[in-house]
Protein backbone atom coordinates (compact mmCIF):
# COMPACT_ATOMS: atom_id res chain seq x y z
CA MET A 1 61.79 119.10 128.20
CA GLN A 2 62.63 116.09 130.15
CA PRO A 3 60.88 112.71 129.61
CA ALA A 4 58.13 112.06 131.96
CA SER A 5 60.00 109.10 133.37
CA VAL A 6 62.77 111.24 134.55
CA PRO A 7 62.21 112.31 138.34
CA HIS A 8 62.12 116.13 138.67
CA VAL A 9 64.48 115.54 141.90
CA GLU A 10 66.07 112.33 143.07
CA LEU A 11 68.27 111.43 146.03
CA GLN A 12 70.67 108.48 145.63
CA CYS A 13 72.20 106.84 148.89
CA VAL A 14 72.19 110.16 150.59
CA THR A 15 73.41 110.37 154.22
CA LYS A 16 73.77 113.20 156.63
CA ARG A 17 75.37 113.20 160.19
CA TYR A 18 75.38 115.70 162.89
CA GLY A 19 78.34 114.34 164.88
CA ALA A 20 77.41 110.84 165.97
CA THR A 21 73.91 111.27 165.14
CA VAL A 22 72.82 109.99 161.72
CA ALA A 23 69.79 112.24 160.58
CA VAL A 24 69.51 110.94 157.40
CA ASN A 25 70.91 107.09 156.53
CA ASP A 26 71.34 106.05 152.88
CA ALA A 27 68.17 107.48 151.56
CA THR A 28 67.17 106.97 148.15
CA ILE A 29 63.94 108.66 146.81
CA ALA A 30 62.42 109.98 143.48
CA PHE A 31 59.99 113.06 143.22
CA ALA A 32 57.77 113.00 140.19
CA ARG A 33 57.24 115.97 138.36
CA GLY A 34 53.84 117.63 138.92
CA SER A 35 53.01 115.42 142.03
CA VAL A 36 52.45 116.33 145.74
CA HIS A 37 54.58 113.94 147.51
CA ALA A 38 54.18 113.68 151.30
CA LEU A 39 57.06 112.78 153.73
CA VAL A 40 55.70 111.48 156.97
CA GLY A 41 57.50 110.25 160.31
CA GLU A 42 58.02 110.99 163.83
CA ASN A 43 59.94 113.99 165.23
CA GLY A 44 63.71 112.99 164.43
CA ALA A 45 62.94 110.78 161.54
CA GLY A 46 64.79 112.79 159.15
CA LYS A 47 61.94 114.50 157.25
CA SER A 48 63.08 118.16 157.58
CA THR A 49 66.65 117.25 157.10
CA LEU A 50 65.80 115.55 154.00
CA GLY A 51 63.94 118.54 152.81
CA LYS A 52 67.10 121.11 153.87
CA ILE A 53 69.27 118.80 151.61
CA ILE A 54 67.21 119.28 148.72
CA ALA A 55 66.90 122.83 149.25
CA GLY A 56 70.58 123.61 149.93
CA VAL A 57 70.49 124.36 153.65
CA VAL A 58 72.67 121.65 154.52
CA GLN A 59 74.97 119.50 152.52
CA PRO A 60 74.84 115.73 152.51
CA ASP A 61 77.93 113.78 153.64
CA ALA A 62 77.44 111.06 151.06
CA GLY A 63 75.30 110.06 148.16
CA GLU A 64 74.10 111.97 144.90
CA LEU A 65 71.23 114.81 144.47
CA ARG A 66 69.93 115.06 141.03
CA VAL A 67 67.67 117.60 139.23
CA ALA A 68 66.10 116.42 136.03
CA GLY A 69 68.59 113.62 135.71
CA GLN A 70 71.69 115.74 136.28
CA VAL A 71 73.94 115.49 139.35
CA VAL A 72 74.01 118.79 141.40
CA ARG A 73 75.58 120.10 144.59
CA PHE A 74 74.01 122.93 146.06
CA GLY A 75 76.20 125.01 148.42
CA SER A 76 73.57 127.34 149.65
CA PRO A 77 69.90 127.67 149.32
CA ARG A 78 70.37 130.49 146.52
CA VAL A 79 71.81 127.95 144.32
CA ALA A 80 69.04 125.53 145.06
CA ILE A 81 66.47 128.70 143.95
CA GLU A 82 68.50 129.04 140.72
CA HIS A 83 67.51 125.51 139.82
CA GLY A 84 63.99 126.13 140.66
CA ILE A 85 63.66 124.61 144.35
CA THR A 86 62.39 126.49 147.32
CA THR A 87 61.20 125.85 150.88
CA ILE A 88 58.21 127.41 152.65
CA ALA A 89 58.76 126.72 156.28
CA GLN A 90 56.31 126.73 159.04
CA GLU A 91 57.86 129.79 160.50
CA LEU A 92 57.21 132.17 157.67
CA SER A 93 59.83 134.55 156.54
CA LEU A 94 57.69 137.65 155.30
CA VAL A 95 58.72 141.27 156.04
CA PRO A 96 55.79 142.41 158.25
CA ALA A 97 55.87 146.22 157.28
CA ARG A 98 55.88 145.64 153.71
CA SER A 99 53.09 145.22 151.08
CA VAL A 100 52.16 141.91 149.58
CA VAL A 101 53.70 142.90 146.04
CA GLU A 102 56.76 144.03 147.77
CA ASN A 103 57.39 140.83 149.76
CA VAL A 104 56.81 138.76 146.50
CA TYR A 105 59.31 140.58 144.51
CA LEU A 106 61.89 141.62 147.17
CA GLY A 107 65.50 141.14 145.73
CA ILE A 108 64.07 140.80 142.09
CA GLU A 109 62.41 144.17 141.64
CA ASP A 110 62.64 146.33 138.47
CA HIS A 111 64.85 149.20 138.75
CA ALA A 112 65.50 152.35 136.76
CA LEU A 113 68.19 154.45 137.67
CA GLY A 114 68.10 152.76 141.25
CA VAL A 115 64.44 153.38 141.89
CA VAL A 116 62.12 150.53 141.96
CA LYS A 117 59.60 150.54 139.10
CA ALA A 118 56.00 150.41 141.22
CA ARG A 119 53.91 149.86 138.19
CA SER A 120 55.98 147.43 136.49
CA LEU A 121 55.85 145.21 139.83
CA GLU A 122 52.14 145.79 139.98
CA ARG A 123 51.74 144.55 136.65
CA ARG A 124 53.79 141.43 137.12
CA PHE A 125 51.88 140.91 140.24
CA ALA A 126 48.64 140.86 138.43
CA GLU A 127 49.79 138.49 135.77
CA LEU A 128 51.23 136.16 138.53
CA THR A 129 48.03 135.97 140.47
CA GLU A 130 45.96 135.71 137.24
CA HIS A 131 48.19 133.03 135.96
CA THR A 132 48.34 130.96 139.12
CA GLY A 133 44.91 131.77 140.52
CA ILE A 134 46.23 132.51 143.93
CA VAL A 135 44.65 135.70 144.97
CA VAL A 136 45.80 137.89 147.80
CA PRO A 137 45.42 141.88 147.84
CA GLY A 138 48.59 143.39 146.68
CA HIS A 139 48.71 146.81 148.59
CA VAL A 140 48.15 145.26 152.08
CA ARG A 141 50.98 144.59 154.52
CA ALA A 142 51.96 141.33 155.42
CA ARG A 143 51.58 141.74 159.11
CA GLU A 144 47.67 142.52 158.10
CA LEU A 145 47.03 139.38 156.42
CA THR A 146 45.67 136.24 157.99
CA ALA A 147 47.93 133.07 158.47
CA ALA A 148 46.42 131.51 155.52
CA ASP A 149 47.08 134.59 153.12
CA GLN A 150 50.61 134.66 154.47
CA GLN A 151 51.06 131.04 153.20
CA LYS A 152 49.79 132.17 149.76
CA VAL A 153 52.24 135.27 149.59
CA GLU A 154 55.25 132.76 150.13
CA ILE A 155 53.97 130.50 147.58
CA LEU A 156 53.55 133.61 145.22
CA ARG A 157 57.24 134.68 146.00
CA ALA A 158 58.38 131.06 145.29
CA LEU A 159 56.49 131.07 142.03
CA ALA A 160 57.72 134.77 141.21
CA ARG A 161 61.33 133.35 141.30
CA GLY A 162 60.69 130.46 138.66
CA SER A 163 60.29 127.85 141.39
CA GLU A 164 58.81 124.60 139.99
CA PHE A 165 59.76 122.60 143.18
CA ILE A 166 58.36 123.63 146.58
CA ILE A 167 59.09 122.14 149.84
CA MET A 168 56.19 122.67 152.30
CA ASP A 169 57.02 122.00 155.89
CA GLU A 170 54.14 121.79 158.22
CA PRO A 171 52.45 124.36 156.09
CA THR A 172 48.96 123.96 157.97
CA ALA A 173 50.40 124.05 161.54
CA ARG A 174 48.93 127.75 162.03
CA LEU A 175 45.76 127.38 159.89
CA SER A 176 42.02 126.82 160.72
CA SER A 177 40.32 123.96 158.87
CA VAL A 178 38.81 126.31 156.47
CA GLU A 179 42.19 127.82 155.65
CA THR A 180 43.50 124.22 155.40
CA ALA A 181 41.11 123.16 152.76
CA GLY A 182 42.01 126.21 150.65
CA LEU A 183 45.55 125.66 150.73
CA HIS A 184 45.01 122.06 149.76
CA ARG A 185 42.87 123.44 146.79
CA THR A 186 46.18 125.45 145.91
CA MET A 187 48.57 122.69 146.27
CA ARG A 188 46.37 120.55 143.96
CA GLU A 189 46.09 123.20 141.32
CA LEU A 190 49.79 123.91 141.50
CA ALA A 191 50.57 120.26 140.82
CA ALA A 192 48.10 120.13 137.91
CA ARG A 193 50.27 122.98 136.23
CA GLY A 194 53.35 120.82 136.86
CA THR A 195 54.65 121.99 140.01
CA THR A 196 56.28 119.40 142.40
CA ILE A 197 55.42 119.87 145.82
CA ILE A 198 56.93 117.91 149.03
CA PHE A 199 54.44 118.03 151.61
CA ILE A 200 55.68 117.35 155.05
CA SER A 201 53.07 117.07 157.89
CA HIS A 202 51.92 115.40 161.20
CA PHE A 203 48.39 115.57 160.04
CA LEU A 204 47.70 112.03 158.67
CA ASP A 205 44.05 113.13 157.69
CA GLU A 206 45.73 115.77 155.41
CA VAL A 207 48.50 113.67 153.75
CA LEU A 208 45.88 111.09 152.74
CA GLU A 209 43.63 113.69 151.11
CA VAL A 210 45.77 115.84 149.46
CA SER A 211 49.19 113.64 148.13
CA ASP A 212 49.56 111.33 145.28
CA VAL A 213 52.68 109.46 146.98
CA VAL A 214 53.64 109.32 150.48
CA THR A 215 57.04 108.14 151.83
CA VAL A 216 57.42 107.05 155.31
CA MET A 217 60.74 107.51 157.38
CA ARG A 218 61.89 106.22 160.52
CA ASP A 219 65.35 107.01 162.54
CA GLY A 220 66.90 108.59 159.39
CA HIS A 221 65.78 105.64 156.87
CA ILE A 222 63.06 105.47 154.18
CA ILE A 223 61.04 102.75 155.09
CA ARG A 224 58.80 103.06 151.98
CA THR A 225 57.31 105.04 149.37
CA ALA A 226 53.86 104.08 148.05
CA PRO A 227 50.88 105.61 146.24
CA THR A 228 48.86 107.24 148.92
CA ALA A 229 45.58 105.08 147.83
CA GLN A 230 47.41 102.46 149.16
CA GLU A 231 47.94 103.67 152.69
CA THR A 232 45.61 104.05 155.83
CA HIS A 233 46.02 105.90 159.25
CA ALA A 234 47.05 102.41 160.49
CA THR A 235 49.42 101.57 157.94
CA LEU A 236 51.39 104.82 158.11
CA ILE A 237 51.37 104.71 161.73
CA GLU A 238 52.84 101.41 162.08
CA GLY A 239 55.72 102.39 159.42
CA MET A 240 56.53 105.39 161.31
CA ILE A 241 56.89 103.87 164.82
CA GLY A 242 57.59 100.39 163.80
CA ARG A 243 54.47 98.97 165.64
CA SER A 244 50.64 99.31 165.68
CA LEU A 245 49.04 101.57 167.96
CA ASP A 246 46.09 99.85 169.76
CA GLY A 247 43.50 102.91 169.06
CA ALA A 248 44.67 106.45 168.69
CA PHE A 249 43.15 107.26 171.93
CA PRO A 250 42.95 105.85 175.47
CA PRO A 251 39.57 104.72 176.75
CA LYS A 252 37.06 107.33 178.12
CA VAL A 253 36.63 106.86 182.04
CA ARG A 254 33.95 109.03 183.11
CA ALA A 255 34.17 110.89 186.27
CA ASP A 256 31.75 109.71 189.09
CA LEU A 257 28.41 111.84 189.06
CA ASP A 258 29.01 113.01 192.66
CA ALA A 259 32.74 113.91 191.94
CA PRO A 260 33.39 117.41 193.42
CA GLU A 261 33.48 120.58 191.31
CA VAL A 262 37.12 121.73 190.73
CA LEU A 263 36.46 124.80 188.34
CA ARG A 264 33.61 127.01 188.35
CA VAL A 265 33.80 129.97 185.82
CA GLU A 266 30.87 132.66 185.94
CA GLY A 267 30.11 135.39 183.69
CA LEU A 268 33.66 135.82 182.64
CA THR A 269 33.80 138.83 180.02
CA ARG A 270 36.43 140.80 178.24
CA HIS A 271 34.83 143.26 176.19
CA GLY A 272 35.41 143.01 172.85
CA VAL A 273 36.82 139.47 172.89
CA PHE A 274 34.41 136.95 174.75
CA GLU A 275 31.21 137.57 176.58
CA ASP A 276 29.42 136.00 179.64
CA ILE A 277 31.29 132.48 179.68
CA THR A 278 29.96 130.27 182.32
CA PHE A 279 30.59 126.71 183.12
CA THR A 280 31.93 124.04 185.45
CA MET A 281 34.32 121.13 185.61
CA ARG A 282 34.14 118.22 187.91
CA ALA A 283 37.06 116.24 189.02
CA GLY A 284 38.10 113.56 186.70
CA GLU A 285 36.35 115.24 183.70
CA ILE A 286 38.16 116.48 180.57
CA VAL A 287 36.20 119.31 179.12
CA VAL A 288 37.44 120.37 175.55
CA LEU A 289 36.55 123.97 174.08
CA ALA A 290 36.05 123.81 170.60
CA GLY A 291 35.38 126.35 167.80
CA LEU A 292 36.76 128.06 164.79
CA VAL A 293 40.01 130.05 165.18
CA GLY A 294 39.27 133.30 166.45
CA SER A 295 36.03 132.14 168.12
CA GLY A 296 37.72 132.98 171.56
CA ARG A 297 38.84 129.70 172.96
CA THR A 298 42.48 130.51 173.74
CA GLU A 299 41.59 134.21 175.12
CA VAL A 300 39.13 132.22 177.60
CA VAL A 301 41.52 130.12 179.01
CA ARG A 302 44.54 132.56 179.20
CA ALA A 303 41.99 134.91 181.26
CA ILE A 304 41.13 131.73 183.35
CA PHE A 305 45.04 131.46 184.01
CA GLY A 306 45.66 135.21 184.85
CA ALA A 307 47.59 135.78 181.49
CA ASP A 308 45.12 138.48 180.18
CA PRO A 309 42.96 140.99 182.01
CA VAL A 310 39.20 140.70 182.19
CA SER A 311 36.27 143.18 182.37
CA ARG A 312 34.02 141.10 184.88
CA GLY A 313 33.39 137.81 186.16
CA THR A 314 34.51 135.07 188.85
CA VAL A 315 36.78 131.93 188.84
CA SER A 316 36.39 129.41 191.81
CA VAL A 317 38.88 126.38 192.14
CA GLN A 318 37.58 123.58 194.35
CA GLY A 319 34.82 125.69 195.72
CA LYS A 320 37.09 128.77 196.61
CA PRO A 321 36.90 131.89 195.03
CA ALA A 322 40.23 132.12 193.20
CA ARG A 323 42.53 135.29 192.43
CA PHE A 324 43.33 135.38 188.75
CA GLY A 325 44.79 138.58 188.09
CA SER A 326 48.17 136.98 187.28
CA PRO A 327 49.53 133.64 186.33
CA GLY A 328 51.29 133.59 189.70
CA GLU A 329 47.99 134.22 191.49
CA SER A 330 46.07 131.48 189.35
CA MET A 331 48.95 128.93 190.19
CA ALA A 332 48.79 129.55 194.08
CA SER A 333 44.95 128.84 193.33
CA GLY A 334 45.61 125.69 191.80
CA VAL A 335 45.21 126.41 188.11
CA ALA A 336 48.26 125.26 185.59
CA MET A 337 48.37 125.91 182.03
CA ILE A 338 50.41 124.64 179.15
CA PRO A 339 50.28 127.49 176.52
CA GLU A 340 49.30 127.28 172.86
CA SER A 341 53.11 128.10 171.77
CA ARG A 342 55.65 126.16 173.85
CA LYS A 343 58.53 127.96 172.20
CA GLU A 344 57.15 131.78 172.69
CA GLN A 345 55.02 131.36 175.73
CA GLY A 346 56.20 128.40 177.59
CA LEU A 347 60.00 127.30 177.42
CA MET A 348 63.16 128.96 178.17
CA LEU A 349 65.01 127.14 175.00
CA GLY A 350 68.62 128.19 176.13
CA ARG A 351 67.96 126.64 179.61
CA SER A 352 68.15 122.83 180.47
CA ALA A 353 65.37 120.55 180.93
CA ARG A 354 65.87 120.59 184.67
CA GLU A 355 65.58 124.40 184.92
CA ASN A 356 62.40 124.53 182.84
CA VAL A 357 60.72 122.13 185.05
CA SER A 358 61.51 123.18 188.23
CA LEU A 359 61.33 126.87 187.43
CA PRO A 360 57.72 127.55 189.26
CA HIS A 361 58.46 125.44 192.00
CA LEU A 362 62.06 126.40 193.45
CA ALA A 363 60.48 127.58 196.87
CA ARG A 364 59.84 123.77 197.49
CA PHE A 365 63.48 123.05 196.85
CA SER A 366 65.00 125.94 198.54
CA ARG A 367 66.23 126.79 202.06
CA GLY A 368 67.32 130.33 202.93
CA GLY A 369 67.13 131.29 199.28
CA VAL A 370 69.40 128.70 198.07
CA VAL A 371 68.07 125.80 195.88
CA SER A 372 69.03 122.11 196.93
CA LEU A 373 70.24 120.69 193.79
CA GLY A 374 69.88 116.92 194.87
CA PRO A 375 66.27 117.11 195.64
CA GLU A 376 65.76 118.98 192.61
CA LYS A 377 67.17 116.75 190.36
CA ARG A 378 65.67 113.68 191.59
CA ARG A 379 62.30 115.25 191.40
CA VAL A 380 62.80 116.42 188.02
CA ARG A 381 64.11 113.11 186.69
CA GLU A 382 61.12 111.36 188.11
CA MET A 383 58.72 113.77 186.51
CA MET A 384 60.56 113.61 183.03
CA GLU A 385 60.42 109.76 183.40
CA THR A 386 56.82 109.89 184.09
CA VAL A 387 55.62 111.91 181.21
CA GLY A 388 57.83 109.93 178.79
CA VAL A 389 60.62 112.30 177.90
CA ARG A 390 63.11 110.17 175.80
CA GLY A 391 66.62 110.59 174.37
CA ILE A 392 67.61 113.97 176.61
CA GLY A 393 68.71 114.03 180.03
CA PRO A 394 67.65 116.69 182.74
CA GLU A 395 70.75 118.74 181.91
CA ALA A 396 70.20 118.77 178.11
CA ARG A 397 69.11 122.40 176.75
CA VAL A 398 65.45 122.20 175.79
CA ARG A 399 66.33 123.97 172.36
CA SER A 400 68.06 120.71 171.30
CA ALA A 401 64.99 118.51 172.07
CA SER A 402 62.34 117.31 169.37
CA GLY A 403 58.82 118.97 169.60
CA GLY A 404 57.35 115.96 171.35
CA ASN A 405 59.80 116.19 174.08
CA GLN A 406 59.70 120.03 174.53
CA GLN A 407 55.85 119.21 174.93
CA LYS A 408 56.42 116.65 177.55
CA VAL A 409 58.81 119.06 179.58
CA MET A 410 55.90 121.39 179.72
CA PHE A 411 53.85 118.64 181.25
CA ALA A 412 56.54 117.70 183.61
CA ARG A 413 56.68 121.23 184.77
CA TRP A 414 52.81 121.39 185.65
CA LEU A 415 52.40 117.94 186.85
CA LEU A 416 55.19 118.19 189.60
CA ALA A 417 52.77 120.34 191.53
CA ASP A 418 49.83 118.09 190.97
CA PRO A 419 47.19 120.81 190.42
CA PRO A 420 43.41 120.31 190.81
CA VAL A 421 43.12 121.99 187.42
CA LEU A 422 45.28 121.66 184.43
CA ILE A 423 44.44 123.85 181.31
CA ALA A 424 46.26 122.35 178.06
CA ASP A 425 45.96 124.82 174.80
CA GLU A 426 46.76 122.74 171.68
CA PRO A 427 48.67 119.89 173.86
CA THR A 428 49.84 118.09 170.81
CA ARG A 429 50.50 120.87 168.19
CA GLY A 430 53.74 120.21 165.92
CA VAL A 431 54.30 116.67 167.67
CA ASP A 432 54.59 113.40 166.23
CA VAL A 433 51.68 110.62 166.34
CA GLY A 434 53.75 108.43 169.00
CA SER A 435 54.20 111.49 171.24
CA LYS A 436 50.76 112.64 170.80
CA ARG A 437 49.53 109.09 172.04
CA THR A 438 51.88 109.82 175.02
CA ILE A 439 50.35 112.90 175.76
CA TYR A 440 46.73 111.58 175.25
CA ASP A 441 47.49 108.93 178.09
CA LEU A 442 49.19 111.51 180.44
CA LEU A 443 45.83 113.66 180.04
CA ALA A 444 43.78 110.60 180.57
CA ALA A 445 45.55 109.45 183.74
CA GLN A 446 45.42 112.87 185.28
CA ALA A 447 41.74 112.92 184.89
CA ALA A 448 41.30 109.11 186.07
CA ALA A 449 43.54 110.50 189.18
CA GLY A 450 40.87 113.09 189.98
CA MET A 451 42.49 116.48 188.30
CA GLY A 452 39.97 118.66 186.13
CA VAL A 453 41.58 118.76 182.63
CA LEU A 454 40.41 121.68 180.26
CA ILE A 455 41.68 121.46 176.62
CA VAL A 456 41.69 123.86 173.63
CA SER A 457 42.10 121.77 170.39
CA SER A 458 41.57 122.60 166.50
CA GLU A 459 41.97 119.07 165.71
CA MET A 460 38.49 117.50 165.49
CA GLU A 461 39.62 113.90 165.92
CA GLU A 462 41.42 115.06 169.22
CA VAL A 463 38.02 116.90 170.37
CA LEU A 464 35.93 113.82 169.93
CA GLY A 465 38.49 111.21 171.14
CA LEU A 466 39.39 112.82 174.46
CA ALA A 467 36.36 114.96 175.69
CA HIS A 468 33.88 113.70 178.15
CA ARG A 469 32.19 117.32 177.46
CA ILE A 470 32.61 119.40 174.58
CA LEU A 471 32.29 123.33 174.98
CA VAL A 472 31.57 124.96 171.55
CA MET A 473 32.47 128.50 171.27
CA ARG A 474 31.57 130.79 168.30
CA ASN A 475 32.09 134.69 168.26
CA GLY A 476 33.30 134.93 171.75
CA ARG A 477 30.31 133.02 173.38
CA LEU A 478 29.68 129.51 174.30
CA VAL A 479 27.06 128.23 172.20
CA ALA A 480 26.56 124.57 173.29
CA ASP A 481 27.66 121.96 176.11
CA ILE A 482 27.66 118.54 174.33
CA ASP A 483 28.17 115.01 175.87
CA GLY A 484 31.36 113.66 174.45
CA GLU A 485 29.92 110.15 173.96
CA THR A 486 26.96 111.43 171.67
CA ALA A 487 28.87 114.34 169.90
CA THR A 488 29.68 113.94 166.12
CA GLU A 489 31.82 116.17 163.93
CA GLU A 490 28.81 117.21 162.03
CA ILE A 491 27.38 118.46 165.05
CA VAL A 492 30.45 120.38 166.49
CA VAL A 493 31.30 122.02 163.20
CA ALA A 494 27.71 123.02 162.51
CA LEU A 495 27.40 124.49 165.79
CA ALA A 496 30.93 126.42 165.69
CA PHE A 497 29.55 127.92 161.95
CA GLY A 498 26.33 128.64 163.59
CA THR A 499 24.34 126.60 161.18
CA VAL A 500 22.60 124.56 163.92
CA ALA A 501 20.68 125.79 166.65
CA PRO A 502 22.63 125.10 170.01
CA ALA A 503 19.21 123.83 171.45
CA LEU A 504 19.28 120.85 168.99
CA THR A 505 22.40 119.18 170.88
CA ALA A 506 22.36 120.56 174.11
């Protein structure tokens, strides 16, 4: 046993470079055993690189890594695992077709004459879940689990390998508020049993709620480490970006009462998914669709954009019936959409920022089927400057950009067309706090210029901070239309869970 004063893991003057870029610069930090230690910072601050160094994914160029006071050098993640260190990444690595038990013990099964001893694995799994209190059905295939249960399987897999130090990189990005609360309880219970957890997150509410200690990083440097109780939203943000933000959200500017209607949705239905969705939106309005994960919010906006089929219903844009049988038809009608997953549904990661921005608009830069590169490059550069893309040029591949810059490239793509209706599904997911404010300013500016902005968001602070009106969904139906000025978190959550009659707040 090591004395309590000896850090579980410690970095001394660690530096990591990628060419001319210094990802981590002379970092010294200690992680106490049995603590939840948060790392916060903007995209590119060095948080994930620091975690990868500890986990053996990358090797530092200078400095020392110590485990229980002993200097170590991990040449691979396998060596780190042998020292009890494991990473649970945002993108999970389960085998979808295998059961929970098989995933937990993959590679460390009990064998007899080359045959896996299934009963032995089941016994070990039962002992593990009883010891940890983490309950997941063992015989269910991984692909059938919720995102929250998949996270639990990743944690069980780490503990089954004797891990005592777990790095969680954005573990709640895909979870609902209820699932997030459950993961927080699991993290606290693990810490109480002596497991050390590094918690990397953009969600400052979660950091302040669940962590014992928080380290702020900026531009590869450790700015400070302090007990979480001494920090606030404001102090963390100021440390992360080097200045204070004058409010998390831009001021709300209400649309004129006589502003024209830009979007009308009537009776939109997709059997088994959502029913009879009816609402309108005026020029200059920001309308937010709120509700629990699975309530049908994303499915509704995808249908409006023509990405998914509908059973019945109509959509009108600026008073004219819109064809929305495909995204191309919706775009021609004046509807643009930033999807929930920029990497899977929005961007061509291997292509340049210029190509990603101009793709839907090549006709306006073409003559005789040939693209005029000069006008295309000038317009794309203007749009990238307008949306605040920093650190990459138009010819840089989007894969190399930070999450915030990738999202801004998506905005540049659609704002180039100046559509009357912009749909943004989880517009700030996976971006840092500085980029969030830039995106909020963009959305507010487009609304102020007369665009109708329809947002799907799972962040309650974002819902209340941006919305002129909040449409609450539950079980595939719209249950309330609330004034964004008078709405409260309690009302929205109660409506989403069905514990308050919609008439009380309509």
